[in-house]
Amino acid sequence: MRISVEQLVLRAKEGTLSAAEVDAVAARLTSEPLDEDTYSLLYVIARTRATRHRRIVESFLDCSEDPMLARLAVQTLCTFWGEADRYRDVLDRFIAGVEWDEDGDVRDVALSALEAR
């Protein structure tokens, strides 16, 4: 039986997801198309500090079809995981602006990440 996305998020916040469950979330992110659950699933990876899934998170950095996913990817890598220095070129690019970040959400979180480092 598959755990609901809401339960996954709750358990990620509580710190009660097993490594296998986190890996299953990562597998869903790579095998399923973007949908209404993608943000929550990416959030689970962020909250569990599953840095072994870094490449999956990085794959959302240029998610022009959903800037909020790019925003969460930047926030995860640079703020939650404390690796802003590693992604300085990415932060600089978003601070300069990308055309698909129409509301400036990615730019704002990039600025915040840079200031917090």
PDB file of N, CA and C in Angstrom:
ATOM      1  N   MET A   1       0.841  -1.185   0.000  1.00  0.00           N
ATOM      2  CA  MET A   1       0.000   0.000   0.000  1.00  0.00           C
ATOM      3  C   MET A   1       0.891   1.255   0.000  1.00  0.00           C
ATOM      4  N   ARG A   2       0.595   2.185  -0.861  1.00  0.00           N
ATOM      5  CA  ARG A   2       1.347   3.433  -0.972  1.00  0.00           C
ATOM      6  C   ARG A   2       0.874   4.415   0.091  1.00  0.00           C
ATOM      7  N   ILE A   3       1.826   5.055   0.759  1.00  0.00           N
ATOM      8  CA  ILE A   3       1.520   6.069   1.770  1.00  0.00           C
ATOM      9  C   ILE A   3       1.081   7.338   1.052  1.00  0.00           C
ATOM     10  N   SER A   4       0.079   8.003   1.596  1.00  0.00           N
ATOM     11  CA  SER A   4      -0.382   9.245   0.980  1.00  0.00           C
ATOM     12  C   SER A   4       0.717  10.297   1.041  1.00  0.00           C
ATOM     13  N   VAL A   5       0.648  11.225   0.122  1.00  0.00           N
ATOM     14  CA  VAL A   5       1.633  12.308   0.093  1.00  0.00           C
ATOM     15  C   VAL A   5       1.548  13.119   1.382  1.00  0.00           C
ATOM     16  N   GLU A   6       0.361  13.349   1.871  1.00  0.00           N
ATOM     17  CA  GLU A   6       0.198  14.103   3.108  1.00  0.00           C
ATOM     18  C   GLU A   6       0.899  13.402   4.268  1.00  0.00           C
ATOM     19  N   GLN A   7       0.782  12.070   4.324  1.00  0.00           N
ATOM     20  CA  GLN A   7       1.448  11.300   5.370  1.00  0.00           C
ATOM     21  C   GLN A   7       2.967  11.347   5.213  1.00  0.00           C
ATOM     22  N   LEU A   8       3.439  11.295   3.966  1.00  0.00           N
ATOM     23  CA  LEU A   8       4.877  11.392   3.725  1.00  0.00           C
ATOM     24  C   LEU A   8       5.424  12.721   4.237  1.00  0.00           C
ATOM     25  N   VAL A   9       4.709  13.810   3.936  1.00  0.00           N
ATOM     26  CA  VAL A   9       5.145  15.136   4.392  1.00  0.00           C
ATOM     27  C   VAL A   9       5.134  15.189   5.917  1.00  0.00           C
ATOM     28  N   LEU A  10       4.075  14.722   6.532  1.00  0.00           N
ATOM     29  CA  LEU A  10       3.971  14.731   7.990  1.00  0.00           C
ATOM     30  C   LEU A  10       5.109  13.929   8.617  1.00  0.00           C
ATOM     31  N   ARG A  11       5.344  12.749   8.097  1.00  0.00           N
ATOM     32  CA  ARG A  11       6.401  11.895   8.653  1.00  0.00           C
ATOM     33  C   ARG A  11       7.792  12.464   8.372  1.00  0.00           C
ATOM     34  N   ALA A  12       7.958  13.165   7.252  1.00  0.00           N
ATOM     35  CA  ALA A  12       9.243  13.827   6.990  1.00  0.00           C
ATOM     36  C   ALA A  12       9.483  14.913   8.037  1.00  0.00           C
ATOM     37  N   LYS A  13       8.449  15.679   8.348  1.00  0.00           N
ATOM     38  CA  LYS A  13       8.561  16.722   9.372  1.00  0.00           C
ATOM     39  C   LYS A  13       8.870  16.126  10.739  1.00  0.00           C
ATOM     40  N   GLU A  14       8.291  14.965  11.018  1.00  0.00           N
ATOM     41  CA  GLU A  14       8.512  14.296  12.305  1.00  0.00           C
ATOM     42  C   GLU A  14       9.852  13.572  12.357  1.00  0.00           C
ATOM     43  N   GLY A  15      10.441  13.340  11.189  1.00  0.00           N
ATOM     44  CA  GLY A  15      11.696  12.588  11.137  1.00  0.00           C
ATOM     45  C   GLY A  15      11.516  11.102  11.276  1.00  0.00           C
ATOM     46  N   THR A  16      10.348  10.596  10.864  1.00  0.00           N
ATOM     47  CA  THR A  16      10.064   9.166  11.054  1.00  0.00           C
ATOM     48  C   THR A  16      10.030   8.361   9.758  1.00  0.00           C
ATOM     49  N   LEU A  17      10.448   8.952   8.652  1.00  0.00           N
ATOM     50  CA  LEU A  17      10.514   8.196   7.395  1.00  0.00           C
ATOM     51  C   LEU A  17      11.791   7.367   7.368  1.00  0.00           C
ATOM     52  N   SER A  18      11.675   6.151   6.901  1.00  0.00           N
ATOM     53  CA  SER A  18      12.860   5.308   6.761  1.00  0.00           C
ATOM     54  C   SER A  18      13.629   5.717   5.505  1.00  0.00           C
ATOM     55  N   ALA A  19      14.869   5.301   5.429  1.00  0.00           N
ATOM     56  CA  ALA A  19      15.681   5.572   4.236  1.00  0.00           C
ATOM     57  C   ALA A  19      15.029   4.954   3.001  1.00  0.00           C
ATOM     58  N   ALA A  20      14.445   3.791   3.149  1.00  0.00           N
ATOM     59  CA  ALA A  20      13.785   3.135   2.018  1.00  0.00           C
ATOM     60  C   ALA A  20      12.580   3.943   1.548  1.00  0.00           C
ATOM     61  N   GLU A  21      11.835   4.528   2.471  1.00  0.00           N
ATOM     62  CA  GLU A  21      10.687   5.352   2.095  1.00  0.00           C
ATOM     63  C   GLU A  21      11.147   6.622   1.381  1.00  0.00           C
ATOM     64  N   VAL A  22      12.222   7.220   1.866  1.00  0.00           N
ATOM     65  CA  VAL A  22      12.762   8.416   1.205  1.00  0.00           C
ATOM     66  C   VAL A  22      13.240   8.045  -0.198  1.00  0.00           C
ATOM     67  N   ASP A  23      13.887   6.905  -0.332  1.00  0.00           N
ATOM     68  CA  ASP A  23      14.344   6.447  -1.648  1.00  0.00           C
ATOM     69  C   ASP A  23      13.160   6.202  -2.586  1.00  0.00           C
ATOM     70  N   ALA A  24      12.058   5.720  -2.046  1.00  0.00           N
ATOM     71  CA  ALA A  24      10.858   5.508  -2.864  1.00  0.00           C
ATOM     72  C   ALA A  24      10.288   6.847  -3.340  1.00  0.00           C
ATOM     73  N   VAL A  25      10.346   7.863  -2.480  1.00  0.00           N
ATOM     74  CA  VAL A  25       9.912   9.207  -2.875  1.00  0.00           C
ATOM     75  C   VAL A  25      10.802   9.709  -4.006  1.00  0.00           C
ATOM     76  N   ALA A  26      12.094   9.526  -3.861  1.00  0.00           N
ATOM     77  CA  ALA A  26      13.040   9.955  -4.907  1.00  0.00           C
ATOM     78  C   ALA A  26      12.740   9.233  -6.221  1.00  0.00           C
ATOM     79  N   ALA A  27      12.432   7.969  -6.142  1.00  0.00           N
ATOM     80  CA  ALA A  27      12.105   7.203  -7.354  1.00  0.00           C
ATOM     81  C   ALA A  27      10.846   7.750  -8.015  1.00  0.00           C
ATOM     82  N   ARG A  28       9.865   8.137  -7.207  1.00  0.00           N
ATOM     83  CA  ARG A  28       8.643   8.732  -7.775  1.00  0.00           C
ATOM     84  C   ARG A  28       8.955  10.041  -8.486  1.00  0.00           C
ATOM     85  N   LEU A  29       9.835  10.837  -7.899  1.00  0.00           N
ATOM     86  CA  LEU A  29      10.175  12.118  -8.513  1.00  0.00           C
ATOM     87  C   LEU A  29      10.841  11.941  -9.869  1.00  0.00           C
ATOM     88  N   THR A  30      11.573  10.874 -10.041  1.00  0.00           N
ATOM     89  CA  THR A  30      12.276  10.668 -11.309  1.00  0.00           C
ATOM     90  C   THR A  30      11.466   9.886 -12.325  1.00  0.00           C
ATOM     91  N   SER A  31      10.443   9.192 -11.871  1.00  0.00           N
ATOM     92  CA  SER A  31       9.717   8.325 -12.801  1.00  0.00           C
ATOM     93  C   SER A  31       8.338   8.841 -13.197  1.00  0.00           C
ATOM     94  N   GLU A  32       7.816   9.798 -12.455  1.00  0.00           N
ATOM     95  CA  GLU A  32       6.472  10.294 -12.739  1.00  0.00           C
ATOM     96  C   GLU A  32       6.539  11.709 -13.299  1.00  0.00           C
ATOM     97  N   PRO A  33       5.605  12.060 -14.166  1.00  0.00           N
ATOM     98  CA  PRO A  33       5.584  13.436 -14.691  1.00  0.00           C
ATOM     99  C   PRO A  33       5.218  14.428 -13.587  1.00  0.00           C
ATOM    100  N   LEU A  34       5.544  15.704 -13.821  1.00  0.00           N
ATOM    101  CA  LEU A  34       5.167  16.739 -12.865  1.00  0.00           C
ATOM    102  C   LEU A  34       3.658  16.724 -12.676  1.00  0.00           C
ATOM    103  N   ASP A  35       3.244  16.783 -11.425  1.00  0.00           N
ATOM    104  CA  ASP A  35       1.818  16.857 -11.130  1.00  0.00           C
ATOM    105  C   ASP A  35       1.632  17.589  -9.810  1.00  0.00           C
ATOM    106  N   GLU A  36       0.438  17.533  -9.260  1.00  0.00           N
ATOM    107  CA  GLU A  36       0.140  18.277  -8.034  1.00  0.00           C
ATOM    108  C   GLU A  36       0.896  17.757  -6.817  1.00  0.00           C
ATOM    109  N   ASP A  37       1.482  16.564  -6.900  1.00  0.00           N
ATOM    110  CA  ASP A  37       2.237  16.007  -5.779  1.00  0.00           C
ATOM    111  C   ASP A  37       3.731  16.306  -5.836  1.00  0.00           C
ATOM    112  N   THR A  38       4.216  16.773  -6.953  1.00  0.00           N
ATOM    113  CA  THR A  38       5.662  16.929  -7.131  1.00  0.00           C
ATOM    114  C   THR A  38       6.274  17.841  -6.080  1.00  0.00           C
ATOM    115  N   TYR A  39       5.658  18.977  -5.813  1.00  0.00           N
ATOM    116  CA  TYR A  39       6.206  19.912  -4.829  1.00  0.00           C
ATOM    117  C   TYR A  39       6.324  19.235  -3.464  1.00  0.00           C
ATOM    118  N   SER A  40       5.292  18.545  -3.045  1.00  0.00           N
ATOM    119  CA  SER A  40       5.312  17.882  -1.734  1.00  0.00           C
ATOM    120  C   SER A  40       6.361  16.785  -1.680  1.00  0.00           C
ATOM    121  N   LEU A  41       6.510  16.047  -2.749  1.00  0.00           N
ATOM    122  CA  LEU A  41       7.518  14.989  -2.777  1.00  0.00           C
ATOM    123  C   LEU A  41       8.926  15.574  -2.712  1.00  0.00           C
ATOM    124  N   LEU A  42       9.153  16.663  -3.426  1.00  0.00           N
ATOM    125  CA  LEU A  42      10.452  17.333  -3.367  1.00  0.00           C
ATOM    126  C   LEU A  42      10.690  17.884  -1.958  1.00  0.00           C
ATOM    127  N   TYR A  43       9.646  18.378  -1.345  1.00  0.00           N
ATOM    128  CA  TYR A  43       9.738  18.878   0.024  1.00  0.00           C
ATOM    129  C   TYR A  43      10.151  17.767   0.990  1.00  0.00           C
ATOM    130  N   VAL A  44       9.658  16.557   0.771  1.00  0.00           N
ATOM    131  CA  VAL A  44      10.039  15.415   1.607  1.00  0.00           C
ATOM    132  C   VAL A  44      11.551  15.187   1.525  1.00  0.00           C
ATOM    133  N   ILE A  45      12.092  15.243   0.314  1.00  0.00           N
ATOM    134  CA  ILE A  45      13.537  15.075   0.147  1.00  0.00           C
ATOM    135  C   ILE A  45      14.269  16.186   0.898  1.00  0.00           C
ATOM    136  N   ALA A  46      13.762  17.402   0.799  1.00  0.00           N
ATOM    137  CA  ALA A  46      14.378  18.543   1.487  1.00  0.00           C
ATOM    138  C   ALA A  46      14.358  18.355   2.999  1.00  0.00           C
ATOM    139  N   ARG A  47      13.210  18.036   3.531  1.00  0.00           N
ATOM    140  CA  ARG A  47      13.046  17.920   4.990  1.00  0.00           C
ATOM    141  C   ARG A  47      13.847  16.784   5.590  1.00  0.00           C
ATOM    142  N   THR A  48      14.021  15.710   4.846  1.00  0.00           N
ATOM    143  CA  THR A  48      14.747  14.554   5.375  1.00  0.00           C
ATOM    144  C   THR A  48      16.249  14.695   5.207  1.00  0.00           C
ATOM    145  N   ARG A  49      16.675  15.808   4.589  1.00  0.00           N
ATOM    146  CA  ARG A  49      18.094  16.069   4.359  1.00  0.00           C
ATOM    147  C   ARG A  49      18.757  14.915   3.614  1.00  0.00           C
ATOM    148  N   ALA A  50      18.041  14.406   2.647  1.00  0.00           N
ATOM    149  CA  ALA A  50      18.507  13.252   1.871  1.00  0.00           C
ATOM    150  C   ALA A  50      19.478  13.707   0.785  1.00  0.00           C
ATOM    151  N   THR A  51      20.650  14.147   1.212  1.00  0.00           N
ATOM    152  CA  THR A  51      21.623  14.695   0.271  1.00  0.00           C
ATOM    153  C   THR A  51      22.083  13.665  -0.758  1.00  0.00           C
ATOM    154  N   ARG A  52      21.856  12.397  -0.492  1.00  0.00           N
ATOM    155  CA  ARG A  52      22.192  11.370  -1.489  1.00  0.00           C
ATOM    156  C   ARG A  52      21.343  11.527  -2.755  1.00  0.00           C
ATOM    157  N   HIS A  53      20.273  12.299  -2.651  1.00  0.00           N
ATOM    158  CA  HIS A  53      19.396  12.554  -3.799  1.00  0.00           C
ATOM    159  C   HIS A  53      19.610  13.964  -4.362  1.00  0.00           C
ATOM    160  N   ARG A  54      20.799  14.484  -4.167  1.00  0.00           N
ATOM    161  CA  ARG A  54      21.162  15.819  -4.632  1.00  0.00           C
ATOM    162  C   ARG A  54      20.858  16.016  -6.117  1.00  0.00           C
ATOM    163  N   ARG A  55      21.211  15.047  -6.935  1.00  0.00           N
ATOM    164  CA  ARG A  55      21.004  15.199  -8.392  1.00  0.00           C
ATOM    165  C   ARG A  55      19.530  15.363  -8.743  1.00  0.00           C
ATOM    166  N   ILE A  56      18.684  14.709  -8.002  1.00  0.00           N
ATOM    167  CA  ILE A  56      17.244  14.862  -8.245  1.00  0.00           C
ATOM    168  C   ILE A  56      16.830  16.298  -7.922  1.00  0.00           C
ATOM    169  N   VAL A  57      17.272  16.792  -6.781  1.00  0.00           N
ATOM    170  CA  VAL A  57      16.948  18.176  -6.407  1.00  0.00           C
ATOM    171  C   VAL A  57      17.515  19.130  -7.449  1.00  0.00           C
ATOM    172  N   GLU A  58      18.755  18.917  -7.847  1.00  0.00           N
ATOM    173  CA  GLU A  58      19.376  19.781  -8.855  1.00  0.00           C
ATOM    174  C   GLU A  58      18.602  19.777 -10.170  1.00  0.00           C
ATOM    175  N   SER A  59      17.963  18.665 -10.477  1.00  0.00           N
ATOM    176  CA  SER A  59      17.226  18.581 -11.742  1.00  0.00           C
ATOM    177  C   SER A  59      16.038  19.541 -11.794  1.00  0.00           C
ATOM    178  N   PHE A  60      15.623  20.045 -10.650  1.00  0.00           N
ATOM    179  CA  PHE A  60      14.504  20.988 -10.599  1.00  0.00           C
ATOM    180  C   PHE A  60      14.958  22.454 -10.641  1.00  0.00           C
ATOM    181  N   LEU A  61      16.256  22.699 -10.637  1.00  0.00           N
ATOM    182  CA  LEU A  61      16.742  24.078 -10.630  1.00  0.00           C
ATOM    183  C   LEU A  61      16.284  24.875 -11.846  1.00  0.00           C
ATOM    184  N   ASP A  62      16.137  24.239 -12.963  1.00  0.00           N
ATOM    185  CA  ASP A  62      15.712  24.934 -14.178  1.00  0.00           C
ATOM    186  C   ASP A  62      14.310  24.515 -14.606  1.00  0.00           C
ATOM    187  N   CYS A  63      13.448  24.346 -13.631  1.00  0.00           N
ATOM    188  CA  CYS A  63      12.081  23.888 -13.898  1.00  0.00           C
ATOM    189  C   CYS A  63      11.216  25.074 -14.329  1.00  0.00           C
ATOM    190  N   SER A  64      11.404  25.476 -15.567  1.00  0.00           N
ATOM    191  CA  SER A  64      10.691  26.656 -16.068  1.00  0.00           C
ATOM    192  C   SER A  64       9.180  26.455 -16.120  1.00  0.00           C
ATOM    193  N   GLU A  65       8.735  25.200 -16.223  1.00  0.00           N
ATOM    194  CA  GLU A  65       7.291  24.968 -16.262  1.00  0.00           C
ATOM    195  C   GLU A  65       6.628  25.137 -14.895  1.00  0.00           C
ATOM    196  N   ASP A  66       7.422  25.133 -13.815  1.00  0.00           N
ATOM    197  CA  ASP A  66       6.885  25.360 -12.474  1.00  0.00           C
ATOM    198  C   ASP A  66       7.966  26.033 -11.619  1.00  0.00           C
ATOM    199  N   PRO A  67       8.048  27.360 -11.667  1.00  0.00           N
ATOM    200  CA  PRO A  67       9.080  28.078 -10.923  1.00  0.00           C
ATOM    201  C   PRO A  67       9.087  27.789  -9.415  1.00  0.00           C
ATOM    202  N   MET A  68       7.961  27.399  -8.863  1.00  0.00           N
ATOM    203  CA  MET A  68       7.949  27.093  -7.432  1.00  0.00           C
ATOM    204  C   MET A  68       8.776  25.845  -7.127  1.00  0.00           C
ATOM    205  N   LEU A  69       8.882  24.936  -8.079  1.00  0.00           N
ATOM    206  CA  LEU A  69       9.757  23.771  -7.897  1.00  0.00           C
ATOM    207  C   LEU A  69      11.216  24.204  -7.947  1.00  0.00           C
ATOM    208  N   ALA A  70      11.542  25.117  -8.839  1.00  0.00           N
ATOM    209  CA  ALA A  70      12.905  25.657  -8.897  1.00  0.00           C
ATOM    210  C   ALA A  70      13.216  26.395  -7.599  1.00  0.00           C
ATOM    211  N   ARG A  71      12.262  27.136  -7.119  1.00  0.00           N
ATOM    212  CA  ARG A  71      12.426  27.874  -5.855  1.00  0.00           C
ATOM    213  C   ARG A  71      12.730  26.905  -4.717  1.00  0.00           C
ATOM    214  N   LEU A  72      11.973  25.829  -4.617  1.00  0.00           N
ATOM    215  CA  LEU A  72      12.196  24.847  -3.562  1.00  0.00           C
ATOM    216  C   LEU A  72      13.545  24.155  -3.735  1.00  0.00           C
ATOM    217  N   ALA A  73      13.955  23.909  -4.954  1.00  0.00           N
ATOM    218  CA  ALA A  73      15.265  23.292  -5.194  1.00  0.00           C
ATOM    219  C   ALA A  73      16.381  24.202  -4.702  1.00  0.00           C
ATOM    220  N   VAL A  74      16.304  25.490  -5.016  1.00  0.00           N
ATOM    221  CA  VAL A  74      17.307  26.447  -4.542  1.00  0.00           C
ATOM    222  C   VAL A  74      17.301  26.505  -3.022  1.00  0.00           C
ATOM    223  N   GLN A  75      16.133  26.594  -2.461  1.00  0.00           N
ATOM    224  CA  GLN A  75      16.000  26.671  -1.013  1.00  0.00           C
ATOM    225  C   GLN A  75      16.562  25.417  -0.346  1.00  0.00           C
ATOM    226  N   THR A  76      16.284  24.267  -0.923  1.00  0.00           N
ATOM    227  CA  THR A  76      16.773  23.005  -0.361  1.00  0.00           C
ATOM    228  C   THR A  76      18.296  22.958  -0.374  1.00  0.00           C
ATOM    229  N   LEU A  77      18.867  23.161  -1.546  1.00  0.00           N
ATOM    230  CA  LEU A  77      20.314  23.032  -1.705  1.00  0.00           C
ATOM    231  C   LEU A  77      21.086  24.095  -0.941  1.00  0.00           C
ATOM    232  N   CYS A  78      20.599  25.317  -0.994  1.00  0.00           N
ATOM    233  CA  CYS A  78      21.376  26.445  -0.476  1.00  0.00           C
ATOM    234  C   CYS A  78      21.040  26.844   0.952  1.00  0.00           C
ATOM    235  N   THR A  79      19.796  26.695   1.335  1.00  0.00           N
ATOM    236  CA  THR A  79      19.391  27.118   2.674  1.00  0.00           C
ATOM    237  C   THR A  79      19.244  25.926   3.613  1.00  0.00           C
ATOM    238  N   PHE A  80      18.358  24.979   3.265  1.00  0.00           N
ATOM    239  CA  PHE A  80      18.131  23.837   4.149  1.00  0.00           C
ATOM    240  C   PHE A  80      19.402  23.004   4.327  1.00  0.00           C
ATOM    241  N   TRP A  81      20.124  22.780   3.233  1.00  0.00           N
ATOM    242  CA  TRP A  81      21.318  21.946   3.288  1.00  0.00           C
ATOM    243  C   TRP A  81      22.592  22.760   3.469  1.00  0.00           C
ATOM    244  N   GLY A  82      22.472  24.090   3.502  1.00  0.00           N
ATOM    245  CA  GLY A  82      23.587  24.964   3.809  1.00  0.00           C
ATOM    246  C   GLY A  82      24.730  24.956   2.805  1.00  0.00           C
ATOM    247  N   GLU A  83      24.415  24.814   1.530  1.00  0.00           N
ATOM    248  CA  GLU A  83      25.460  24.696   0.521  1.00  0.00           C
ATOM    249  C   GLU A  83      25.438  25.824  -0.509  1.00  0.00           C
ATOM    250  N   ALA A  84      25.124  27.008  -0.064  1.00  0.00           N
ATOM    251  CA  ALA A  84      25.040  28.154  -0.976  1.00  0.00           C
ATOM    252  C   ALA A  84      26.353  28.392  -1.708  1.00  0.00           C
ATOM    253  N   ASP A  85      27.476  28.217  -1.025  1.00  0.00           N
ATOM    254  CA  ASP A  85      28.766  28.452  -1.683  1.00  0.00           C
ATOM    255  C   ASP A  85      28.962  27.512  -2.868  1.00  0.00           C
ATOM    256  N   ARG A  86      28.508  26.299  -2.728  1.00  0.00           N
ATOM    257  CA  ARG A  86      28.632  25.308  -3.807  1.00  0.00           C
ATOM    258  C   ARG A  86      27.806  25.708  -5.035  1.00  0.00           C
ATOM    259  N   TYR A  87      26.732  26.441  -4.812  1.00  0.00           N
ATOM    260  CA  TYR A  87      25.802  26.809  -5.890  1.00  0.00           C
ATOM    261  C   TYR A  87      25.851  28.299  -6.200  1.00  0.00           C
ATOM    262  N   ARG A  88      26.959  28.925  -5.938  1.00  0.00           N
ATOM    263  CA  ARG A  88      27.084  30.373  -6.138  1.00  0.00           C
ATOM    264  C   ARG A  88      26.737  30.792  -7.565  1.00  0.00           C
ATOM    265  N   ASP A  89      27.192  30.022  -8.567  1.00  0.00           N
ATOM    266  CA  ASP A  89      26.891  30.373  -9.959  1.00  0.00           C
ATOM    267  C   ASP A  89      25.397  30.296 -10.243  1.00  0.00           C
ATOM    268  N   VAL A  90      24.728  29.330  -9.641  1.00  0.00           N
ATOM    269  CA  VAL A  90      23.269  29.192  -9.799  1.00  0.00           C
ATOM    270  C   VAL A  90      22.578  30.380  -9.152  1.00  0.00           C
ATOM    271  N   LEU A  91      23.005  30.718  -7.954  1.00  0.00           N
ATOM    272  CA  LEU A  91      22.405  31.858  -7.255  1.00  0.00           C
ATOM    273  C   LEU A  91      22.597  33.141  -8.045  1.00  0.00           C
ATOM    274  N   ASP A  92      23.803  33.339  -8.564  1.00  0.00           N
ATOM    275  CA  ASP A  92      24.072  34.544  -9.359  1.00  0.00           C
ATOM    276  C   ASP A  92      23.158  34.622 -10.581  1.00  0.00           C
ATOM    277  N   ARG A  93      22.955  33.479 -11.228  1.00  0.00           N
ATOM    278  CA  ARG A  93      22.097  33.445 -12.417  1.00  0.00           C
ATOM    279  C   ARG A  93      20.657  33.817 -12.056  1.00  0.00           C
ATOM    280  N   PHE A  94      20.161  33.263 -10.963  1.00  0.00           N
ATOM    281  CA  PHE A  94      18.786  33.567 -10.578  1.00  0.00           C
ATOM    282  C   PHE A  94      18.634  34.999 -10.075  1.00  0.00           C
ATOM    283  N   ILE A  95      19.656  35.508  -9.398  1.00  0.00           N
ATOM    284  CA  ILE A  95      19.600  36.896  -8.928  1.00  0.00           C
ATOM    285  C   ILE A  95      19.587  37.853 -10.114  1.00  0.00           C
ATOM    286  N   ALA A  96      20.349  37.537 -11.138  1.00  0.00           N
ATOM    287  CA  ALA A  96      20.346  38.352 -12.361  1.00  0.00           C
ATOM    288  C   ALA A  96      18.989  38.273 -13.056  1.00  0.00           C
ATOM    289  N   GLY A  97      18.303  37.172 -12.857  1.00  0.00           N
ATOM    290  CA  GLY A  97      16.957  36.983 -13.416  1.00  0.00           C
ATOM    291  C   GLY A  97      16.928  36.034 -14.583  1.00  0.00           C
ATOM    292  N   VAL A  98      15.931  35.188 -14.579  1.00  0.00           N
ATOM    293  CA  VAL A  98      15.653  34.295 -15.710  1.00  0.00           C
ATOM    294  C   VAL A  98      14.238  34.607 -16.187  1.00  0.00           C
ATOM    295  N   GLU A  99      14.040  34.534 -17.472  1.00  0.00           N
ATOM    296  CA  GLU A  99      12.768  35.001 -18.044  1.00  0.00           C
ATOM    297  C   GLU A  99      11.547  34.258 -17.532  1.00  0.00           C
ATOM    298  N   TRP A 100      11.703  33.008 -17.155  1.00  0.00           N
ATOM    299  CA  TRP A 100      10.541  32.224 -16.731  1.00  0.00           C
ATOM    300  C   TRP A 100      10.165  32.438 -15.269  1.00  0.00           C
ATOM    301  N   ASP A 101      10.966  33.176 -14.512  1.00  0.00           N
ATOM    302  CA  ASP A 101      10.663  33.494 -13.112  1.00  0.00           C
ATOM    303  C   ASP A 101       9.876  34.796 -13.066  1.00  0.00           C
ATOM    304  N   GLU A 102       8.695  34.765 -13.637  1.00  0.00           N
ATOM    305  CA  GLU A 102       7.895  35.974 -13.835  1.00  0.00           C
ATOM    306  C   GLU A 102       7.544  36.709 -12.543  1.00  0.00           C
ATOM    307  N   ASP A 103       7.319  35.980 -11.471  1.00  0.00           N
ATOM    308  CA  ASP A 103       6.947  36.621 -10.211  1.00  0.00           C
ATOM    309  C   ASP A 103       8.148  36.906  -9.308  1.00  0.00           C
ATOM    310  N   GLY A 104       9.339  36.489  -9.730  1.00  0.00           N
ATOM    311  CA  GLY A 104      10.549  36.746  -8.956  1.00  0.00           C
ATOM    312  C   GLY A 104      10.723  35.857  -7.735  1.00  0.00           C
ATOM    313  N   ASP A 105       9.955  34.767  -7.669  1.00  0.00           N
ATOM    314  CA  ASP A 105      10.044  33.891  -6.493  1.00  0.00           C
ATOM    315  C   ASP A 105      11.405  33.206  -6.374  1.00  0.00           C
ATOM    316  N   VAL A 106      11.939  32.749  -7.491  1.00  0.00           N
ATOM    317  CA  VAL A 106      13.244  32.081  -7.475  1.00  0.00           C
ATOM    318  C   VAL A 106      14.331  33.107  -7.157  1.00  0.00           C
ATOM    319  N   ARG A 107      14.219  34.277  -7.744  1.00  0.00           N
ATOM    320  CA  ARG A 107      15.179  35.345  -7.475  1.00  0.00           C
ATOM    321  C   ARG A 107      15.188  35.686  -5.986  1.00  0.00           C
ATOM    322  N   ASP A 108      14.017  35.817  -5.391  1.00  0.00           N
ATOM    323  CA  ASP A 108      13.926  36.174  -3.977  1.00  0.00           C
ATOM    324  C   ASP A 108      14.588  35.133  -3.076  1.00  0.00           C
ATOM    325  N   VAL A 109      14.355  33.858  -3.357  1.00  0.00           N
ATOM    326  CA  VAL A 109      14.947  32.829  -2.502  1.00  0.00           C
ATOM    327  C   VAL A 109      16.453  32.736  -2.757  1.00  0.00           C
ATOM    328  N   ALA A 110      16.891  33.024  -3.966  1.00  0.00           N
ATOM    329  CA  ALA A 110      18.335  33.048  -4.258  1.00  0.00           C
ATOM    330  C   ALA A 110      19.014  34.186  -3.481  1.00  0.00           C
ATOM    331  N   LEU A 111      18.397  35.347  -3.480  1.00  0.00           N
ATOM    332  CA  LEU A 111      18.928  36.475  -2.707  1.00  0.00           C
ATOM    333  C   LEU A 111      19.010  36.133  -1.221  1.00  0.00           C
ATOM    334  N   SER A 112      17.957  35.527  -0.723  1.00  0.00           N
ATOM    335  CA  SER A 112      17.903  35.139   0.679  1.00  0.00           C
ATOM    336  C   SER A 112      19.003  34.127   1.009  1.00  0.00           C
ATOM    337  N   ALA A 113      19.178  33.159   0.141  1.00  0.00           N
ATOM    338  CA  ALA A 113      20.209  32.127   0.355  1.00  0.00           C
ATOM    339  C   ALA A 113      21.602  32.743   0.349  1.00  0.00           C
ATOM    340  N   LEU A 114      21.821  33.680  -0.532  1.00  0.00           N
ATOM    341  CA  LEU A 114      23.132  34.318  -0.622  1.00  0.00           C
ATOM    342  C   LEU A 114      23.416  35.161   0.625  1.00  0.00           C
ATOM    343  N   GLU A 115      22.402  35.856   1.105  1.00  0.00           N
ATOM    344  CA  GLU A 115      22.567  36.685   2.283  1.00  0.00           C
ATOM    345  C   GLU A 115      22.781  35.848   3.545  1.00  0.00           C
ATOM    346  N   ALA A 116      22.186  34.652   3.586  1.00  0.00           N
ATOM    347  CA  ALA A 116      22.256  33.802   4.768  1.00  0.00           C
ATOM    348  C   ALA A 116      23.554  33.018   4.886  1.00  0.00           C
ATOM    349  N   ARG A 117      24.302  32.945   3.814  1.00  0.00           N
ATOM    350  CA  ARG A 117      25.510  32.083   3.842  1.00  0.00           C
ATOM    351  C   ARG A 117      26.616  32.622   4.674  1.00  0.00           C
TER     352      ARG A 117
END
